[in-house]
Amino acid sequence: MAKKQTLSIIIPLYNEEPVVNLLLLRLEEVSKTIKEQVQVVFVNDGSSDNTWPIMTNYQPKAFKSKLIDLSRNFGKEAAVTAGLDEADGDAVVLIDADLQDPPELIPDMIEAWHNGADIVNMQRATREGESWFKKYSASLYYRLLNRLADCDIPENVGDFRLLSKRVVEQIQKMPERNRYMKGIMSWPGFNNTIIKFNRAPREAGESKWNYFQLLKLALSGITSFSITPLRLVFSVGFIVAAGSLLYGIFILIRTLIFGDPVSGFPTVIITQLFIAGIQLISIGVVGEYVGRIYIEVKARPTYLIKDILEKKEAPKIRSVRVVHD
């Protein structure tokens, strides 16, 4: 008799107290419709509210749960990595706790997996509850990233996706500490498919990501999967040097032939400031890569686990018929 397959659902948690009870309710309902054994891996990423007490006191009814409590807040990328390392499923689904990515779509993802997909990317057709600036900047970023990156990263696809076990095994072999998970999950390749969905606004609470953090994540994605910025720095330096040389030759010839005095103090200052700006930008780009090399060389662990708690689903109560003599 074939062994029953297991689906692991990985959910990072960081101060999700306002929404966690609704999340658990919807997970229970969805798990009842899935024929695979369901394991939900909750990763508490250093929450400072009542998220962890709520999770430890909850007894799941339709799924098994594994509660992972990290020693502090390591960030979402580290929490996702911890979930992938601890998941036991034949396939895993990554989903956020804020319910913008509806758990009710998980059966559709499983169907695509059974049809041969190793990675099921959930692409946002609409993004409700987000400003036009955020939508436009996200679209612009994905176009830029795909021009620079050495692998295809699907546009408008976040962490909400399904990964087969063999994809997870390849991701676990990737040792880098700078974890840009959208790129890491796209890099292995294999059989990909896309399912489009309408992304809802948050059910409760507020987003933990501000624009500065999103910019930092965007830079991490570019520097983790492309060395094109370094090549651009070289190209700009070469163009500036070549232009300066040609302009110097032009000034020299004009002075020797026409006797024009070399003048233009403002022009000299502006040119110097321009070149200094190019140099500082170049040093900044190179420094970004050097800083990442520094982090990798230190080889510190991506995360530390303080506690792991596993719970089985509650036993089903069967009705007992009493027969009287």
Protein backbone atom coordinates (compact mmCIF):
# COMPACT_ATOMS: atom_id res chain seq x y z
CA MET A 1 0.00 0.00 0.00
CA ALA A 2 1.44 3.36 -1.05
CA LYS A 3 2.42 5.73 1.73
CA LYS A 4 0.14 8.73 2.08
CA GLN A 5 1.82 11.91 0.85
CA THR A 6 2.39 14.86 3.16
CA LEU A 7 1.95 18.54 2.35
CA SER A 8 3.81 21.05 4.52
CA ILE A 9 2.51 24.61 4.76
CA ILE A 10 5.16 27.06 5.98
CA ILE A 11 3.99 30.29 7.63
CA PRO A 12 6.43 32.87 9.10
CA LEU A 13 4.96 34.78 12.05
CA TYR A 14 6.04 38.18 13.33
CA ASN A 15 3.62 40.03 15.63
CA GLU A 16 0.55 38.53 13.95
CA GLU A 17 -1.72 38.53 17.03
CA PRO A 18 -4.58 40.48 15.32
CA VAL A 19 -4.93 37.93 12.50
CA VAL A 20 -3.61 34.62 13.80
CA ASN A 21 -6.96 33.25 15.07
CA LEU A 22 -8.63 33.86 11.71
CA LEU A 23 -5.62 32.32 9.99
CA LEU A 24 -5.97 29.14 12.06
CA LEU A 25 -9.70 28.95 11.35
CA ARG A 26 -9.20 29.17 7.58
CA LEU A 27 -6.33 26.67 7.68
CA GLU A 28 -8.59 24.20 9.47
CA GLU A 29 -11.27 24.55 6.79
CA VAL A 30 -8.80 24.19 3.91
CA SER A 31 -7.04 21.20 5.47
CA LYS A 32 -10.34 19.28 5.53
CA THR A 33 -10.48 19.48 1.72
CA ILE A 34 -6.92 18.18 1.15
CA LYS A 35 -6.46 14.43 0.77
CA GLU A 36 -2.77 14.57 1.70
CA GLN A 37 -1.62 14.57 5.31
CA VAL A 38 -1.24 18.27 6.18
CA GLN A 39 1.61 19.59 8.30
CA VAL A 40 1.67 23.31 9.09
CA VAL A 41 5.07 24.70 10.07
CA PHE A 42 4.72 27.96 11.99
CA VAL A 43 7.97 29.92 12.38
CA ASN A 44 7.84 32.54 15.12
CA ASP A 45 10.39 35.17 14.08
CA GLY A 46 10.91 36.85 17.44
CA SER A 47 7.35 38.16 17.94
CA SER A 48 6.97 40.56 20.86
CA ASP A 49 3.16 40.26 21.18
CA ASN A 50 1.00 37.24 22.08
CA THR A 51 1.53 35.39 18.80
CA TRP A 52 3.66 32.61 20.34
CA PRO A 53 1.40 31.98 23.40
CA ILE A 54 -1.64 31.76 21.10
CA MET A 55 0.11 29.23 18.89
CA THR A 56 1.38 27.07 21.76
CA ASN A 57 -2.09 26.92 23.35
CA TYR A 58 -3.84 26.02 20.10
CA GLN A 59 -4.76 22.39 19.43
CA PRO A 60 -5.12 21.77 15.68
CA LYS A 61 -8.08 19.68 14.55
CA ALA A 62 -7.44 18.92 10.88
CA PHE A 63 -3.64 19.12 10.56
CA LYS A 64 -0.39 18.40 12.37
CA SER A 65 1.65 21.42 13.40
CA LYS A 66 5.29 22.11 14.06
CA LEU A 67 5.97 25.31 16.00
CA ILE A 68 9.47 26.75 15.59
CA ASP A 69 10.46 29.57 17.90
CA LEU A 70 13.55 31.46 16.70
CA SER A 71 15.84 32.96 19.33
CA ARG A 72 15.21 36.51 18.04
CA ASN A 73 13.96 38.37 14.98
CA PHE A 74 16.17 37.24 12.09
CA GLY A 75 13.94 38.53 9.29
CA LYS A 76 11.45 36.90 6.97
CA GLU A 77 14.04 35.37 4.62
CA ALA A 78 15.67 33.55 7.55
CA ALA A 79 12.27 32.44 8.89
CA VAL A 80 11.34 30.97 5.50
CA THR A 81 14.71 29.17 5.40
CA ALA A 82 14.05 27.70 8.85
CA GLY A 83 10.64 26.50 7.71
CA LEU A 84 12.08 24.80 4.63
CA ASP A 85 14.74 23.09 6.75
CA GLU A 86 12.18 21.76 9.24
CA ALA A 87 9.34 20.80 6.86
CA ASP A 88 8.74 17.08 6.31
CA GLY A 89 6.39 17.23 3.33
CA ASP A 90 6.64 15.76 -0.15
CA ALA A 91 5.77 19.30 -1.22
CA VAL A 92 5.72 22.60 0.66
CA VAL A 93 3.53 25.66 0.32
CA LEU A 94 4.84 29.04 1.48
CA ILE A 95 2.21 31.55 2.56
CA ASP A 96 2.09 34.75 4.61
CA ALA A 97 0.07 35.00 7.81
CA ASP A 98 -1.76 38.20 6.82
CA LEU A 99 -4.21 36.28 4.57
CA GLN A 100 -3.53 38.48 1.56
CA ASP A 101 -2.62 35.18 -0.08
CA PRO A 102 -5.77 33.06 0.36
CA PRO A 103 -5.21 29.54 1.79
CA GLU A 104 -8.27 28.41 -0.18
CA LEU A 105 -6.09 28.32 -3.32
CA ILE A 106 -3.81 25.62 -1.89
CA PRO A 107 -5.89 22.75 -3.43
CA ASP A 108 -5.36 24.32 -6.89
CA MET A 109 -1.62 24.41 -6.22
CA ILE A 110 -1.66 20.75 -5.19
CA GLU A 111 -3.49 19.82 -8.40
CA ALA A 112 -0.81 21.58 -10.47
CA TRP A 113 1.85 19.70 -8.49
CA HIS A 114 0.16 16.36 -9.20
CA ASN A 115 0.09 17.34 -12.88
CA GLY A 116 3.90 17.52 -12.92
CA ALA A 117 4.83 21.01 -11.71
CA ASP A 118 7.80 21.24 -9.33
CA ILE A 119 7.21 24.94 -8.65
CA VAL A 120 3.75 26.50 -8.66
CA ASN A 121 4.10 30.30 -8.73
CA MET A 122 1.08 32.27 -7.55
CA GLN A 123 1.08 35.45 -9.63
CA ARG A 124 -0.85 38.50 -8.45
CA ALA A 125 -3.29 39.61 -11.15
CA THR A 126 -4.53 42.43 -8.90
CA ARG A 127 -3.10 43.86 -5.67
CA GLU A 128 -5.92 45.31 -3.57
CA GLY A 129 -5.12 47.58 -0.66
CA GLU A 130 -1.80 48.80 -2.13
CA SER A 131 -1.00 52.30 -3.38
CA TRP A 132 -0.38 52.99 -7.05
CA PHE A 133 3.21 53.93 -6.23
CA LYS A 134 3.89 50.57 -4.60
CA LYS A 135 2.34 48.71 -7.54
CA TYR A 136 4.30 50.74 -10.12
CA SER A 137 7.60 50.51 -8.24
CA ALA A 138 7.15 46.74 -7.80
CA SER A 139 6.51 46.28 -11.53
CA LEU A 140 9.53 48.45 -12.39
CA TYR A 141 11.73 46.53 -9.96
CA TYR A 142 10.81 43.12 -11.37
CA ARG A 143 11.55 44.30 -14.93
CA LEU A 144 14.92 45.67 -13.82
CA LEU A 145 15.76 42.54 -11.82
CA ASN A 146 15.01 40.20 -14.71
CA ARG A 147 17.22 42.27 -17.02
CA LEU A 148 20.11 41.98 -14.57
CA ALA A 149 19.65 38.56 -12.94
CA ASP A 150 21.15 35.32 -14.25
CA CYS A 151 17.86 33.45 -13.72
CA ASP A 152 14.23 34.18 -14.55
CA ILE A 153 12.35 35.54 -11.52
CA PRO A 154 8.58 35.65 -12.21
CA GLU A 155 7.05 39.11 -12.03
CA ASN A 156 4.47 39.82 -9.31
CA VAL A 157 5.15 36.49 -7.58
CA GLY A 158 5.91 36.78 -3.88
CA ASP A 159 6.62 33.99 -1.41
CA PHE A 160 3.21 32.38 -2.04
CA ARG A 161 4.15 29.29 -4.02
CA LEU A 162 4.42 25.50 -3.91
CA LEU A 163 7.78 23.69 -4.10
CA SER A 164 8.24 19.97 -4.64
CA LYS A 165 10.55 18.03 -2.35
CA ARG A 166 13.34 17.82 -4.93
CA VAL A 167 13.32 21.62 -5.32
CA VAL A 168 13.48 22.05 -1.53
CA GLU A 169 16.44 19.64 -1.40
CA GLN A 170 18.32 21.75 -3.95
CA ILE A 171 17.55 24.97 -2.05
CA GLN A 172 18.92 23.40 1.14
CA LYS A 173 22.23 22.86 -0.67
CA MET A 174 22.57 26.61 -1.24
CA PRO A 175 24.67 27.86 1.70
CA GLU A 176 24.62 31.63 1.20
CA ARG A 177 23.78 33.84 4.17
CA ASN A 178 22.39 36.67 2.02
CA ARG A 179 19.01 35.02 1.49
CA TYR A 180 16.90 36.59 -1.24
CA MET A 181 14.32 33.80 -1.24
CA LYS A 182 12.39 34.84 -4.36
CA GLY A 183 15.57 34.41 -6.37
CA ILE A 184 16.71 31.30 -4.50
CA MET A 185 13.37 29.57 -5.11
CA SER A 186 13.49 30.46 -8.82
CA TRP A 187 17.13 29.52 -9.42
CA PRO A 188 16.81 25.67 -9.42
CA GLY A 189 14.52 25.71 -12.43
CA PHE A 190 12.69 22.36 -12.94
CA ASN A 191 9.06 22.39 -14.09
CA ASN A 192 7.38 25.74 -13.39
CA THR A 193 3.78 26.79 -13.77
CA ILE A 194 1.89 29.98 -12.92
CA ILE A 195 -1.56 30.40 -11.38
CA LYS A 196 -2.98 33.92 -11.33
CA PHE A 197 -5.06 35.18 -8.42
CA ASN A 198 -6.45 38.40 -7.00
CA ARG A 199 -4.52 39.44 -3.91
CA ALA A 200 -6.71 40.72 -1.10
CA PRO A 201 -5.86 43.48 1.42
CA ARG A 202 -4.65 42.49 4.88
CA GLU A 203 -7.35 41.00 7.10
CA ALA A 204 -5.94 42.72 10.19
CA GLY A 205 -2.84 44.42 11.53
CA GLU A 206 -0.29 46.42 9.57
CA SER A 207 2.45 45.54 7.11
CA LYS A 208 5.87 45.02 8.71
CA TRP A 209 7.61 46.29 5.54
CA ASN A 210 8.32 50.00 5.06
CA TYR A 211 9.78 51.49 1.89
CA PHE A 212 13.32 51.52 3.29
CA GLN A 213 13.13 47.79 4.05
CA LEU A 214 11.68 47.08 0.61
CA LEU A 215 14.52 49.06 -1.00
CA LYS A 216 17.04 47.09 1.06
CA LEU A 217 15.41 43.83 -0.07
CA ALA A 218 15.46 45.01 -3.69
CA LEU A 219 19.20 45.77 -3.51
CA SER A 220 19.74 42.36 -1.93
CA GLY A 221 17.96 40.71 -4.85
CA ILE A 222 20.04 42.53 -7.46
CA THR A 223 23.41 41.99 -5.78
CA SER A 224 22.64 38.36 -4.91
CA PHE A 225 21.81 37.32 -8.46
CA SER A 226 23.76 39.64 -10.73
CA ILE A 227 27.21 41.19 -11.14
CA THR A 228 25.90 43.54 -13.84
CA PRO A 229 26.17 46.61 -11.55
CA LEU A 230 29.93 45.99 -11.30
CA ARG A 231 30.17 45.84 -15.07
CA LEU A 232 28.15 49.04 -15.35
CA VAL A 233 30.55 50.76 -12.95
CA PHE A 234 33.46 49.71 -15.18
CA SER A 235 31.62 50.91 -18.30
CA VAL A 236 30.80 54.30 -16.78
CA GLY A 237 34.39 54.72 -15.59
CA PHE A 238 35.71 53.85 -19.04
CA ILE A 239 33.32 56.28 -20.75
CA VAL A 240 34.19 59.13 -18.35
CA ALA A 241 37.94 58.48 -18.72
CA ALA A 242 37.71 58.29 -22.51
CA GLY A 243 35.58 61.44 -22.67
CA SER A 244 38.02 63.32 -20.42
CA LEU A 245 40.96 62.26 -22.60
CA LEU A 246 39.24 63.35 -25.81
CA TYR A 247 38.18 66.65 -24.26
CA GLY A 248 41.77 67.25 -23.05
CA ILE A 249 43.12 66.63 -26.55
CA PHE A 250 40.54 69.03 -27.97
CA ILE A 251 41.52 71.79 -25.51
CA LEU A 252 45.22 71.24 -26.23
CA ILE A 253 44.77 71.45 -30.01
CA ARG A 254 42.55 74.51 -29.78
CA THR A 255 45.08 76.27 -27.54
CA LEU A 256 48.06 75.43 -29.83
CA ILE A 257 46.30 76.38 -33.07
CA PHE A 258 44.08 79.28 -32.07
CA GLY A 259 45.93 80.46 -28.97
CA ASP A 260 42.77 80.38 -26.86
CA PRO A 261 43.61 80.69 -23.18
CA VAL A 262 42.50 77.80 -20.94
CA SER A 263 39.73 79.31 -18.84
CA GLY A 264 36.48 78.37 -17.24
CA PHE A 265 36.82 77.99 -13.48
CA PRO A 266 33.12 76.95 -12.99
CA THR A 267 33.51 74.27 -15.68
CA VAL A 268 36.54 72.82 -13.89
CA ILE A 269 34.71 72.69 -10.55
CA ILE A 270 31.59 71.10 -12.05
CA THR A 271 33.72 68.51 -13.86
CA GLN A 272 35.58 67.65 -10.68
CA LEU A 273 32.37 67.31 -8.69
CA PHE A 274 30.85 65.13 -11.41
CA ILE A 275 33.84 62.78 -11.49
CA ALA A 276 33.94 62.68 -7.67
CA GLY A 277 30.25 61.71 -7.65
CA ILE A 278 30.91 58.92 -10.15
CA GLN A 279 33.77 57.67 -7.98
CA LEU A 280 31.67 57.65 -4.80
CA ILE A 281 28.84 55.79 -6.52
CA SER A 282 31.32 53.28 -7.90
CA ILE A 283 32.88 52.75 -4.48
CA GLY A 284 29.39 52.30 -3.03
CA VAL A 285 28.47 49.62 -5.57
CA VAL A 286 31.75 47.77 -5.06
CA GLY A 287 31.35 48.17 -1.29
CA GLU A 288 27.91 46.53 -1.44
CA TYR A 289 29.46 43.42 -2.96
CA VAL A 290 32.44 43.48 -0.62
CA GLY A 291 30.07 43.72 2.35
CA ARG A 292 28.21 40.63 1.15
CA ILE A 293 31.50 38.77 0.77
CA TYR A 294 32.31 39.79 4.36
CA ILE A 295 29.01 38.36 5.60
CA GLU A 296 29.51 35.11 3.68
CA VAL A 297 33.09 34.66 4.94
CA LYS A 298 31.99 34.97 8.58
CA ALA A 299 29.66 32.00 7.93
CA ARG A 300 27.35 32.73 10.83
CA PRO A 301 24.16 30.61 10.89
CA THR A 302 21.18 32.11 9.10
CA TYR A 303 18.97 31.59 12.16
CA LEU A 304 18.99 30.07 15.66
CA ILE A 305 16.13 27.96 17.04
CA LYS A 306 15.11 28.42 20.68
CA ASP A 307 12.37 25.82 20.80
CA ILE A 308 10.43 23.36 18.62
CA LEU A 309 7.00 22.05 19.55
CA GLU A 310 5.08 19.48 17.52
CA LYS A 311 1.36 18.80 17.80
CA LYS A 312 -0.77 16.13 16.14
CA GLU A 313 -4.26 16.84 14.98
CA ALA A 314 -7.00 16.19 17.52
CA PRO A 315 -8.42 12.65 17.28
CA LYS A 316 -11.76 12.41 15.52
CA ILE A 317 -14.66 11.60 17.84
CA ARG A 318 -16.64 8.63 16.59
CA SER A 319 -20.25 8.10 17.60
CA VAL A 320 -20.85 4.97 19.65
CA ARG A 321 -24.07 3.10 19.32
CA VAL A 322 -25.29 1.53 22.55
CA VAL A 323 -27.37 -1.66 22.22
CA HIS A 324 -29.62 -2.58 25.15
CA ASP A 325 -30.57 -6.15 25.90
